[in-house]
Amino acid sequence: MSVDEHAKDEPARGPADDDAPIEPPCEEPGLEERLARLEVILARMESDDVPLEEALRLFEEGVAHVRRAERILAETELRVEELLSGDRTAPMDLEGS
């Protein structure tokens, strides 16, 4: 395929395209997405027609989501503690002594 033929397959880029932010290829799910997925997994596992192999796969996925959610919460708690402790400053002497 020549360069000209290849160029026809790609959309034309304009100057505004160069300024567009580059999205990460795959962003890790956040806490809310993980909790929502856990609800779906739980509902599926509670149904009567789940084959053993699927149940095991869902269980493994659920455990991974729970562990990552726990890490997210621990990291968030640590960050909040750091922010709160970082705001403590010595009182200012406003009387000018």
PDB file of N, CA and C in Angstrom:
ATOM      1  N   MET A   1       0.853  -1.163   0.000  1.00  0.00           N
ATOM      2  CA  MET A   1       0.000   0.000   0.000  1.00  0.00           C
ATOM      3  C   MET A   1       0.903   1.231   0.000  1.00  0.00           C
ATOM      4  N   SER A   2       0.595   2.172  -0.835  1.00  0.00           N
ATOM      5  CA  SER A   2       1.409   3.383  -0.908  1.00  0.00           C
ATOM      6  C   SER A   2       1.023   4.338   0.205  1.00  0.00           C
ATOM      7  N   VAL A   3       1.820   5.376   0.380  1.00  0.00           N
ATOM      8  CA  VAL A   3       1.549   6.366   1.415  1.00  0.00           C
ATOM      9  C   VAL A   3       0.221   7.052   1.147  1.00  0.00           C
ATOM     10  N   ASP A   4      -0.071   7.378  -0.130  1.00  0.00           N
ATOM     11  CA  ASP A   4      -1.324   8.039  -0.476  1.00  0.00           C
ATOM     12  C   ASP A   4      -2.523   7.150  -0.178  1.00  0.00           C
ATOM     13  N   GLU A   5      -2.425   5.857  -0.458  1.00  0.00           N
ATOM     14  CA  GLU A   5      -3.531   4.950  -0.183  1.00  0.00           C
ATOM     15  C   GLU A   5      -3.778   4.832   1.315  1.00  0.00           C
ATOM     16  N   HIS A   6      -2.704   4.804   2.092  1.00  0.00           N
ATOM     17  CA  HIS A   6      -2.829   4.705   3.546  1.00  0.00           C
ATOM     18  C   HIS A   6      -3.468   5.972   4.113  1.00  0.00           C
ATOM     19  N   ALA A   7      -3.121   7.110   3.561  1.00  0.00           N
ATOM     20  CA  ALA A   7      -3.641   8.388   4.047  1.00  0.00           C
ATOM     21  C   ALA A   7      -5.141   8.482   3.831  1.00  0.00           C
ATOM     22  N   LYS A   8      -5.683   7.825   2.790  1.00  0.00           N
ATOM     23  CA  LYS A   8      -7.110   7.865   2.537  1.00  0.00           C
ATOM     24  C   LYS A   8      -7.882   7.133   3.634  1.00  0.00           C
ATOM     25  N   ASP A   9      -7.261   6.160   4.289  1.00  0.00           N
ATOM     26  CA  ASP A   9      -7.936   5.392   5.323  1.00  0.00           C
ATOM     27  C   ASP A   9      -8.045   6.146   6.640  1.00  0.00           C
ATOM     28  N   GLU A  10      -7.195   7.122   6.854  1.00  0.00           N
ATOM     29  CA  GLU A  10      -7.186   7.858   8.114  1.00  0.00           C
ATOM     30  C   GLU A  10      -7.972   9.146   7.977  1.00  0.00           C
ATOM     31  N   PRO A  11      -8.690   9.552   9.023  1.00  0.00           N
ATOM     32  CA  PRO A  11      -9.415  10.819   8.962  1.00  0.00           C
ATOM     33  C   PRO A  11      -8.442  11.981   8.911  1.00  0.00           C
ATOM     34  N   ALA A  12      -8.881  13.041   8.242  1.00  0.00           N
ATOM     35  CA  ALA A  12      -8.037  14.237   8.130  1.00  0.00           C
ATOM     36  C   ALA A  12      -7.897  14.876   9.494  1.00  0.00           C
ATOM     37  N   ARG A  13      -6.714  15.333   9.804  1.00  0.00           N
ATOM     38  CA  ARG A  13      -6.460  15.996  11.084  1.00  0.00           C
ATOM     39  C   ARG A  13      -6.310  17.477  10.843  1.00  0.00           C
ATOM     40  N   GLY A  14      -6.905  18.247  11.703  1.00  0.00           N
ATOM     41  CA  GLY A  14      -6.776  19.692  11.624  1.00  0.00           C
ATOM     42  C   GLY A  14      -5.962  20.202  12.785  1.00  0.00           C
ATOM     43  N   PRO A  15      -5.730  21.516  12.834  1.00  0.00           N
ATOM     44  CA  PRO A  15      -4.939  22.090  13.925  1.00  0.00           C
ATOM     45  C   PRO A  15      -5.553  21.858  15.298  1.00  0.00           C
ATOM     46  N   ALA A  16      -6.876  21.807  15.384  1.00  0.00           N
ATOM     47  CA  ALA A  16      -7.514  21.598  16.687  1.00  0.00           C
ATOM     48  C   ALA A  16      -7.227  20.204  17.234  1.00  0.00           C
ATOM     49  N   ASP A  17      -6.994  19.236  16.348  1.00  0.00           N
ATOM     50  CA  ASP A  17      -6.718  17.872  16.794  1.00  0.00           C
ATOM     51  C   ASP A  17      -5.408  17.789  17.564  1.00  0.00           C
ATOM     52  N   ASP A  18      -4.457  18.635  17.243  1.00  0.00           N
ATOM     53  CA  ASP A  18      -3.165  18.608  17.932  1.00  0.00           C
ATOM     54  C   ASP A  18      -3.281  19.080  19.372  1.00  0.00           C
ATOM     55  N   ASP A  19      -4.289  19.895  19.664  1.00  0.00           N
ATOM     56  CA  ASP A  19      -4.471  20.422  21.012  1.00  0.00           C
ATOM     57  C   ASP A  19      -5.345  19.528  21.880  1.00  0.00           C
ATOM     58  N   ALA A  20      -5.963  18.517  21.287  1.00  0.00           N
ATOM     59  CA  ALA A  20      -6.866  17.653  22.039  1.00  0.00           C
ATOM     60  C   ALA A  20      -6.063  16.831  23.050  1.00  0.00           C
ATOM     61  N   PRO A  21      -6.601  16.667  24.265  1.00  0.00           N
ATOM     62  CA  PRO A  21      -5.885  15.851  25.259  1.00  0.00           C
ATOM     63  C   PRO A  21      -5.826  14.403  24.815  1.00  0.00           C
ATOM     64  N   ILE A  22      -4.747  13.771  25.147  1.00  0.00           N
ATOM     65  CA  ILE A  22      -4.576  12.362  24.816  1.00  0.00           C
ATOM     66  C   ILE A  22      -5.141  11.554  25.966  1.00  0.00           C
ATOM     67  N   GLU A  23      -6.116  10.726  25.665  1.00  0.00           N
ATOM     68  CA  GLU A  23      -6.743   9.893  26.681  1.00  0.00           C
ATOM     69  C   GLU A  23      -5.884   8.667  26.933  1.00  0.00           C
ATOM     70  N   PRO A  24      -5.791   8.244  28.183  1.00  0.00           N
ATOM     71  CA  PRO A  24      -5.058   7.001  28.445  1.00  0.00           C
ATOM     72  C   PRO A  24      -5.791   5.844  27.782  1.00  0.00           C
ATOM     73  N   PRO A  25      -5.067   4.850  27.302  1.00  0.00           N
ATOM     74  CA  PRO A  25      -5.702   3.763  26.572  1.00  0.00           C
ATOM     75  C   PRO A  25      -6.707   2.990  27.408  1.00  0.00           C
ATOM     76  N   CYS A  26      -6.439   2.791  28.667  1.00  0.00           N
ATOM     77  CA  CYS A  26      -7.365   2.035  29.516  1.00  0.00           C
ATOM     78  C   CYS A  26      -7.220   2.549  30.936  1.00  0.00           C
ATOM     79  N   GLU A  27      -8.261   3.187  31.422  1.00  0.00           N
ATOM     80  CA  GLU A  27      -8.202   3.729  32.774  1.00  0.00           C
ATOM     81  C   GLU A  27      -8.753   2.700  33.759  1.00  0.00           C
ATOM     82  N   GLU A  28      -8.093   2.579  34.885  1.00  0.00           N
ATOM     83  CA  GLU A  28      -8.527   1.632  35.910  1.00  0.00           C
ATOM     84  C   GLU A  28      -9.849   2.101  36.510  1.00  0.00           C
ATOM     85  N   PRO A  29     -10.770   1.173  36.748  1.00  0.00           N
ATOM     86  CA  PRO A  29     -12.054   1.569  37.334  1.00  0.00           C
ATOM     87  C   PRO A  29     -11.879   2.174  38.720  1.00  0.00           C
ATOM     88  N   GLY A  30     -12.715   3.132  39.025  1.00  0.00           N
ATOM     89  CA  GLY A  30     -12.685   3.753  40.336  1.00  0.00           C
ATOM     90  C   GLY A  30     -13.519   2.966  41.337  1.00  0.00           C
ATOM     91  N   LEU A  31     -13.623   3.493  42.527  1.00  0.00           N
ATOM     92  CA  LEU A  31     -14.338   2.817  43.606  1.00  0.00           C
ATOM     93  C   LEU A  31     -15.801   2.593  43.243  1.00  0.00           C
ATOM     94  N   GLU A  32     -16.462   3.611  42.713  1.00  0.00           N
ATOM     95  CA  GLU A  32     -17.875   3.491  42.383  1.00  0.00           C
ATOM     96  C   GLU A  32     -18.111   2.426  41.324  1.00  0.00           C
ATOM     97  N   GLU A  33     -17.256   2.386  40.303  1.00  0.00           N
ATOM     98  CA  GLU A  33     -17.401   1.369  39.250  1.00  0.00           C
ATOM     99  C   GLU A  33     -17.175  -0.031  39.807  1.00  0.00           C
ATOM    100  N   ARG A  34     -16.222  -0.154  40.700  1.00  0.00           N
ATOM    101  CA  ARG A  34     -15.948  -1.461  41.301  1.00  0.00           C
ATOM    102  C   ARG A  34     -17.129  -1.928  42.147  1.00  0.00           C
ATOM    103  N   LEU A  35     -17.718  -1.031  42.927  1.00  0.00           N
ATOM    104  CA  LEU A  35     -18.867  -1.404  43.746  1.00  0.00           C
ATOM    105  C   LEU A  35     -20.053  -1.800  42.876  1.00  0.00           C
ATOM    106  N   ALA A  36     -20.264  -1.066  41.792  1.00  0.00           N
ATOM    107  CA  ALA A  36     -21.354  -1.410  40.878  1.00  0.00           C
ATOM    108  C   ALA A  36     -21.128  -2.787  40.254  1.00  0.00           C
ATOM    109  N   ARG A  37     -19.895  -3.068  39.856  1.00  0.00           N
ATOM    110  CA  ARG A  37     -19.592  -4.376  39.273  1.00  0.00           C
ATOM    111  C   ARG A  37     -19.779  -5.484  40.309  1.00  0.00           C
ATOM    112  N   LEU A  38     -19.407  -5.214  41.559  1.00  0.00           N
ATOM    113  CA  LEU A  38     -19.604  -6.207  42.621  1.00  0.00           C
ATOM    114  C   LEU A  38     -21.090  -6.528  42.808  1.00  0.00           C
ATOM    115  N   GLU A  39     -21.944  -5.528  42.678  1.00  0.00           N
ATOM    116  CA  GLU A  39     -23.381  -5.778  42.785  1.00  0.00           C
ATOM    117  C   GLU A  39     -23.861  -6.688  41.659  1.00  0.00           C
ATOM    118  N   VAL A  40     -23.357  -6.472  40.449  1.00  0.00           N
ATOM    119  CA  VAL A  40     -23.721  -7.314  39.305  1.00  0.00           C
ATOM    120  C   VAL A  40     -23.228  -8.739  39.533  1.00  0.00           C
ATOM    121  N   ILE A  41     -21.987  -8.871  39.988  1.00  0.00           N
ATOM    122  CA  ILE A  41     -21.409 -10.196  40.247  1.00  0.00           C
ATOM    123  C   ILE A  41     -22.233 -10.929  41.302  1.00  0.00           C
ATOM    124  N   LEU A  42     -22.570 -10.239  42.378  1.00  0.00           N
ATOM    125  CA  LEU A  42     -23.340 -10.859  43.456  1.00  0.00           C
ATOM    126  C   LEU A  42     -24.708 -11.319  42.967  1.00  0.00           C
ATOM    127  N   ALA A  43     -25.374 -10.480  42.200  1.00  0.00           N
ATOM    128  CA  ALA A  43     -26.698 -10.854  41.681  1.00  0.00           C
ATOM    129  C   ALA A  43     -26.599 -12.086  40.789  1.00  0.00           C
ATOM    130  N   ARG A  44     -25.572 -12.136  39.959  1.00  0.00           N
ATOM    131  CA  ARG A  44     -25.405 -13.294  39.069  1.00  0.00           C
ATOM    132  C   ARG A  44     -25.094 -14.550  39.881  1.00  0.00           C
ATOM    133  N   MET A  45     -24.240 -14.438  40.873  1.00  0.00           N
ATOM    134  CA  MET A  45     -23.872 -15.607  41.663  1.00  0.00           C
ATOM    135  C   MET A  45     -25.036 -16.115  42.511  1.00  0.00           C
ATOM    136  N   GLU A  46     -25.959 -15.240  42.879  1.00  0.00           N
ATOM    137  CA  GLU A  46     -27.112 -15.657  43.668  1.00  0.00           C
ATOM    138  C   GLU A  46     -28.182 -16.351  42.837  1.00  0.00           C
ATOM    139  N   SER A  47     -28.080 -16.251  41.513  1.00  0.00           N
ATOM    140  CA  SER A  47     -29.067 -16.927  40.677  1.00  0.00           C
ATOM    141  C   SER A  47     -28.807 -18.428  40.689  1.00  0.00           C
ATOM    142  N   ASP A  48     -29.847 -19.186  40.392  1.00  0.00           N
ATOM    143  CA  ASP A  48     -29.763 -20.642  40.497  1.00  0.00           C
ATOM    144  C   ASP A  48     -29.077 -21.321  39.325  1.00  0.00           C
ATOM    145  N   ASP A  49     -28.891 -20.623  38.224  1.00  0.00           N
ATOM    146  CA  ASP A  49     -28.409 -21.279  37.007  1.00  0.00           C
ATOM    147  C   ASP A  49     -26.966 -20.939  36.638  1.00  0.00           C
ATOM    148  N   VAL A  50     -26.119 -20.685  37.628  1.00  0.00           N
ATOM    149  CA  VAL A  50     -24.723 -20.331  37.349  1.00  0.00           C
ATOM    150  C   VAL A  50     -23.876 -21.600  37.346  1.00  0.00           C
ATOM    151  N   PRO A  51     -23.244 -21.889  36.199  1.00  0.00           N
ATOM    152  CA  PRO A  51     -22.344 -23.045  36.180  1.00  0.00           C
ATOM    153  C   PRO A  51     -21.154 -22.819  37.112  1.00  0.00           C
ATOM    154  N   LEU A  52     -20.601 -23.901  37.611  1.00  0.00           N
ATOM    155  CA  LEU A  52     -19.507 -23.828  38.575  1.00  0.00           C
ATOM    156  C   LEU A  52     -18.332 -23.009  38.056  1.00  0.00           C
ATOM    157  N   GLU A  53     -17.925 -23.234  36.813  1.00  0.00           N
ATOM    158  CA  GLU A  53     -16.774 -22.505  36.258  1.00  0.00           C
ATOM    159  C   GLU A  53     -17.037 -21.005  36.201  1.00  0.00           C
ATOM    160  N   GLU A  54     -18.250 -20.617  35.829  1.00  0.00           N
ATOM    161  CA  GLU A  54     -18.583 -19.190  35.780  1.00  0.00           C
ATOM    162  C   GLU A  54     -18.620 -18.608  37.188  1.00  0.00           C
ATOM    163  N   ALA A  55     -19.168 -19.373  38.126  1.00  0.00           N
ATOM    164  CA  ALA A  55     -19.220 -18.908  39.516  1.00  0.00           C
ATOM    165  C   ALA A  55     -17.812 -18.676  40.065  1.00  0.00           C
ATOM    166  N   LEU A  56     -16.907 -19.577  39.751  1.00  0.00           N
ATOM    167  CA  LEU A  56     -15.527 -19.427  40.211  1.00  0.00           C
ATOM    168  C   LEU A  56     -14.873 -18.201  39.582  1.00  0.00           C
ATOM    169  N   ARG A  57     -15.101 -18.014  38.278  1.00  0.00           N
ATOM    170  CA  ARG A  57     -14.539 -16.841  37.586  1.00  0.00           C
ATOM    171  C   ARG A  57     -15.096 -15.559  38.192  1.00  0.00           C
ATOM    172  N   LEU A  58     -16.400 -15.517  38.439  1.00  0.00           N
ATOM    173  CA  LEU A  58     -17.017 -14.335  39.040  1.00  0.00           C
ATOM    174  C   LEU A  58     -16.494 -14.088  40.456  1.00  0.00           C
ATOM    175  N   PHE A  59     -16.327 -15.160  41.210  1.00  0.00           N
ATOM    176  CA  PHE A  59     -15.798 -15.032  42.566  1.00  0.00           C
ATOM    177  C   PHE A  59     -14.395 -14.432  42.537  1.00  0.00           C
ATOM    178  N   GLU A  60     -13.544 -14.933  41.654  1.00  0.00           N
ATOM    179  CA  GLU A  60     -12.175 -14.401  41.544  1.00  0.00           C
ATOM    180  C   GLU A  60     -12.192 -12.932  41.154  1.00  0.00           C
ATOM    181  N   GLU A  61     -13.051 -12.571  40.205  1.00  0.00           N
ATOM    182  CA  GLU A  61     -13.151 -11.163  39.805  1.00  0.00           C
ATOM    183  C   GLU A  61     -13.629 -10.310  40.977  1.00  0.00           C
ATOM    184  N   GLY A  62     -14.609 -10.820  41.714  1.00  0.00           N
ATOM    185  CA  GLY A  62     -15.131 -10.083  42.856  1.00  0.00           C
ATOM    186  C   GLY A  62     -14.080  -9.858  43.928  1.00  0.00           C
ATOM    187  N   VAL A  63     -13.301 -10.892  44.219  1.00  0.00           N
ATOM    188  CA  VAL A  63     -12.234 -10.759  45.222  1.00  0.00           C
ATOM    189  C   VAL A  63     -11.231  -9.690  44.778  1.00  0.00           C
ATOM    190  N   ALA A  64     -10.891  -9.677  43.502  1.00  0.00           N
ATOM    191  CA  ALA A  64      -9.946  -8.675  42.991  1.00  0.00           C
ATOM    192  C   ALA A  64     -10.517  -7.270  43.151  1.00  0.00           C
ATOM    193  N   HIS A  65     -11.815  -7.099  42.869  1.00  0.00           N
ATOM    194  CA  HIS A  65     -12.440  -5.777  43.032  1.00  0.00           C
ATOM    195  C   HIS A  65     -12.460  -5.358  44.503  1.00  0.00           C
ATOM    196  N   VAL A  66     -12.765  -6.282  45.388  1.00  0.00           N
ATOM    197  CA  VAL A  66     -12.800  -5.957  46.819  1.00  0.00           C
ATOM    198  C   VAL A  66     -11.411  -5.541  47.304  1.00  0.00           C
ATOM    199  N   ARG A  67     -10.399  -6.291  46.919  1.00  0.00           N
ATOM    200  CA  ARG A  67      -9.028  -5.957  47.367  1.00  0.00           C
ATOM    201  C   ARG A  67      -8.603  -4.596  46.857  1.00  0.00           C
ATOM    202  N   ARG A  68      -8.900  -4.301  45.586  1.00  0.00           N
ATOM    203  CA  ARG A  68      -8.504  -3.002  45.030  1.00  0.00           C
ATOM    204  C   ARG A  68      -9.316  -1.879  45.677  1.00  0.00           C
ATOM    205  N   ALA A  69     -10.587  -2.136  45.949  1.00  0.00           N
ATOM    206  CA  ALA A  69     -11.421  -1.128  46.608  1.00  0.00           C
ATOM    207  C   ALA A  69     -10.877  -0.813  48.004  1.00  0.00           C
ATOM    208  N   GLU A  70     -10.438  -1.843  48.711  1.00  0.00           N
ATOM    209  CA  GLU A  70      -9.835  -1.623  50.032  1.00  0.00           C
ATOM    210  C   GLU A  70      -8.576  -0.766  49.922  1.00  0.00           C
ATOM    211  N   ARG A  71      -7.769  -1.016  48.898  1.00  0.00           N
ATOM    212  CA  ARG A  71      -6.557  -0.197  48.707  1.00  0.00           C
ATOM    213  C   ARG A  71      -6.923   1.247  48.371  1.00  0.00           C
ATOM    214  N   ILE A  72      -7.936   1.432  47.530  1.00  0.00           N
ATOM    215  CA  ILE A  72      -8.379   2.790  47.185  1.00  0.00           C
ATOM    216  C   ILE A  72      -8.816   3.531  48.439  1.00  0.00           C
ATOM    217  N   LEU A  73      -9.601   2.871  49.281  1.00  0.00           N
ATOM    218  CA  LEU A  73     -10.069   3.507  50.514  1.00  0.00           C
ATOM    219  C   LEU A  73      -8.913   3.823  51.457  1.00  0.00           C
ATOM    220  N   ALA A  74      -7.963   2.903  51.585  1.00  0.00           N
ATOM    221  CA  ALA A  74      -6.806   3.144  52.462  1.00  0.00           C
ATOM    222  C   ALA A  74      -5.963   4.301  51.938  1.00  0.00           C
ATOM    223  N   GLU A  75      -5.754   4.356  50.623  1.00  0.00           N
ATOM    224  CA  GLU A  75      -4.980   5.453  50.041  1.00  0.00           C
ATOM    225  C   GLU A  75      -5.696   6.782  50.226  1.00  0.00           C
ATOM    226  N   THR A  76      -7.018   6.774  50.079  1.00  0.00           N
ATOM    227  CA  THR A  76      -7.803   7.993  50.261  1.00  0.00           C
ATOM    228  C   THR A  76      -7.741   8.462  51.704  1.00  0.00           C
ATOM    229  N   GLU A  77      -7.865   7.528  52.633  1.00  0.00           N
ATOM    230  CA  GLU A  77      -7.783   7.881  54.048  1.00  0.00           C
ATOM    231  C   GLU A  77      -6.416   8.483  54.385  1.00  0.00           C
ATOM    232  N   LEU A  78      -5.366   7.885  53.860  1.00  0.00           N
ATOM    233  CA  LEU A  78      -4.022   8.403  54.096  1.00  0.00           C
ATOM    234  C   LEU A  78      -3.872   9.806  53.520  1.00  0.00           C
ATOM    235  N   ARG A  79      -4.415  10.008  52.342  1.00  0.00           N
ATOM    236  CA  ARG A  79      -4.320  11.329  51.697  1.00  0.00           C
ATOM    237  C   ARG A  79      -5.066  12.383  52.515  1.00  0.00           C
ATOM    238  N   VAL A  80      -6.232  12.026  53.023  1.00  0.00           N
ATOM    239  CA  VAL A  80      -7.001  12.965  53.847  1.00  0.00           C
ATOM    240  C   VAL A  80      -6.229  13.303  55.117  1.00  0.00           C
ATOM    241  N   GLU A  81      -5.640  12.300  55.739  1.00  0.00           N
ATOM    242  CA  GLU A  81      -4.838  12.549  56.943  1.00  0.00           C
ATOM    243  C   GLU A  81      -3.656  13.464  56.636  1.00  0.00           C
ATOM    244  N   GLU A  82      -3.012  13.242  55.487  1.00  0.00           N
ATOM    245  CA  GLU A  82      -1.893  14.103  55.105  1.00  0.00           C
ATOM    246  C   GLU A  82      -2.352  15.537  54.875  1.00  0.00           C
ATOM    247  N   LEU A  83      -3.489  15.694  54.216  1.00  0.00           N
ATOM    248  CA  LEU A  83      -4.002  17.040  53.954  1.00  0.00           C
ATOM    249  C   LEU A  83      -4.372  17.750  55.246  1.00  0.00           C
ATOM    250  N   LEU A  84      -4.997  17.034  56.164  1.00  0.00           N
ATOM    251  CA  LEU A  84      -5.384  17.658  57.425  1.00  0.00           C
ATOM    252  C   LEU A  84      -4.179  18.002  58.272  1.00  0.00           C
ATOM    253  N   SER A  85      -3.185  17.151  58.316  1.00  0.00           N
ATOM    254  CA  SER A  85      -2.006  17.444  59.124  1.00  0.00           C
ATOM    255  C   SER A  85      -1.154  18.518  58.471  1.00  0.00           C
ATOM    256  N   GLY A  86      -1.208  18.665  57.180  1.00  0.00           N
ATOM    257  CA  GLY A  86      -0.428  19.681  56.474  1.00  0.00           C
ATOM    258  C   GLY A  86      -0.968  21.076  56.666  1.00  0.00           C
ATOM    259  N   ASP A  87      -2.226  21.209  57.084  1.00  0.00           N
ATOM    260  CA  ASP A  87      -2.833  22.522  57.264  1.00  0.00           C
ATOM    261  C   ASP A  87      -2.536  23.131  58.630  1.00  0.00           C
ATOM    262  N   ARG A  88      -1.935  22.373  59.493  1.00  0.00           N
ATOM    263  CA  ARG A  88      -1.645  22.890  60.825  1.00  0.00           C
ATOM    264  C   ARG A  88      -0.421  23.790  60.763  1.00  0.00           C
ATOM    265  N   THR A  89      -0.638  25.033  61.086  1.00  0.00           N
ATOM    266  CA  THR A  89       0.458  26.009  61.064  1.00  0.00           C
ATOM    267  C   THR A  89       0.503  26.735  62.404  1.00  0.00           C
ATOM    268  N   ALA A  90       1.604  27.394  62.634  1.00  0.00           N
ATOM    269  CA  ALA A  90       1.738  28.169  63.865  1.00  0.00           C
ATOM    270  C   ALA A  90       0.868  29.416  63.759  1.00  0.00           C
ATOM    271  N   PRO A  91       0.224  29.810  64.849  1.00  0.00           N
ATOM    272  CA  PRO A  91      -0.613  31.016  64.814  1.00  0.00           C
ATOM    273  C   PRO A  91       0.240  32.256  64.560  1.00  0.00           C
ATOM    274  N   MET A  92      -0.335  33.179  63.826  1.00  0.00           N
ATOM    275  CA  MET A  92       0.380  34.430  63.522  1.00  0.00           C
ATOM    276  C   MET A  92       0.239  35.414  64.670  1.00  0.00           C
ATOM    277  N   ASP A  93       1.281  36.205  64.876  1.00  0.00           N
ATOM    278  CA  ASP A  93       1.239  37.256  65.888  1.00  0.00           C
ATOM    279  C   ASP A  93       0.704  38.499  65.192  1.00  0.00           C
ATOM    280  N   LEU A  94      -0.570  38.784  65.382  1.00  0.00           N
ATOM    281  CA  LEU A  94      -1.209  39.911  64.710  1.00  0.00           C
ATOM    282  C   LEU A  94      -1.005  41.227  65.452  1.00  0.00           C
ATOM    283  N   GLU A  95      -0.489  41.192  66.658  1.00  0.00           N
ATOM    284  CA  GLU A  95      -0.311  42.413  67.428  1.00  0.00           C
ATOM    285  C   GLU A  95       1.004  43.107  67.127  1.00  0.00           C
ATOM    286  N   GLY A  96       1.882  42.461  66.370  1.00  0.00           N
ATOM    287  CA  GLY A  96       3.134  43.090  65.961  1.00  0.00           C
ATOM    288  C   GLY A  96       4.193  43.158  67.021  1.00  0.00           C
ATOM    289  N   SER A  97       4.176  42.305  68.007  1.00  0.00           N
ATOM    290  CA  SER A  97       5.181  42.366  69.073  1.00  0.00           C
ATOM    291  C   SER A  97       6.452  41.684  68.710  1.00  0.00           C
TER     292      SER A  97
END
